[in-house]
């Protein structure tokens, strides 16, 4: 267990994250999914954000509506009045991230910035709602995370993008590598392109820098157990009941 690097992470570890609210049921990133996660006892939610053509911040993973909704088109090219008509799995509307912050006041949110136009609306929303301790910003793109950090200042919790994770991995092998300052956690896959990312050395190096390690997206109970044995600080999953059962059996469901 690491020291607490930011108020966002001031709850007991290991932290269970509901990935897209629990994507296994097909209602990913909907208010219905997050309500279900909350009923199961989850308090850390993972989601994604895109900005519509008129600057509204939508909790949604894909750049287009095509895969999971009954509508078509790129979110960045559509106004909110059109996007709001789409239904995930034909039934559930897409929520604005602001609506989720309001509906779940006790939840903490791990937010993946999916495109650069979402940076400023997200930072402005966090600032306007005073949600500094409730949101951690991440992205595959180190540039997007660093851009949000520059806009927001040191109060914003951030994780590493791919470049930061690579730097941390190299440092775990004793190879000097640049690593962005100011991040509070490394959020990583267990493996990437067949190469192991998370092992004892990686976790130890992250902890030595005061960083928590959160692993995504883990749905197999045996892999959950193995990662917890390594000392990771959080697991993101689509299988909410499975992770809860694993943590409960270990006496680690808080």
Foldseek 3Di string as FASTA:
>chain_A
DFDQPALLPPDAFQAEEAEQLQPPVQQGVFPVSVVVLVVVPHQEYEFEWDAACVGFIWTDDDQWPPPFWPDTDGRNDHDPVVQQVIAGNDHTGIDGVLVVCVVRVRHAYEYEYPDQSNLVSVLVSCVVVVCLSRYEYEYLDQVSQVVSCVVNDLSHAYEGHVQQLVQLQCVLVVHHDDHDPRHAAHEEECADPNHGSDDLSSCVSQSVVNYAYEYDDDEDLVVVVVNVVSPHGYYYYSNSVSNQVSCVVVVRSD
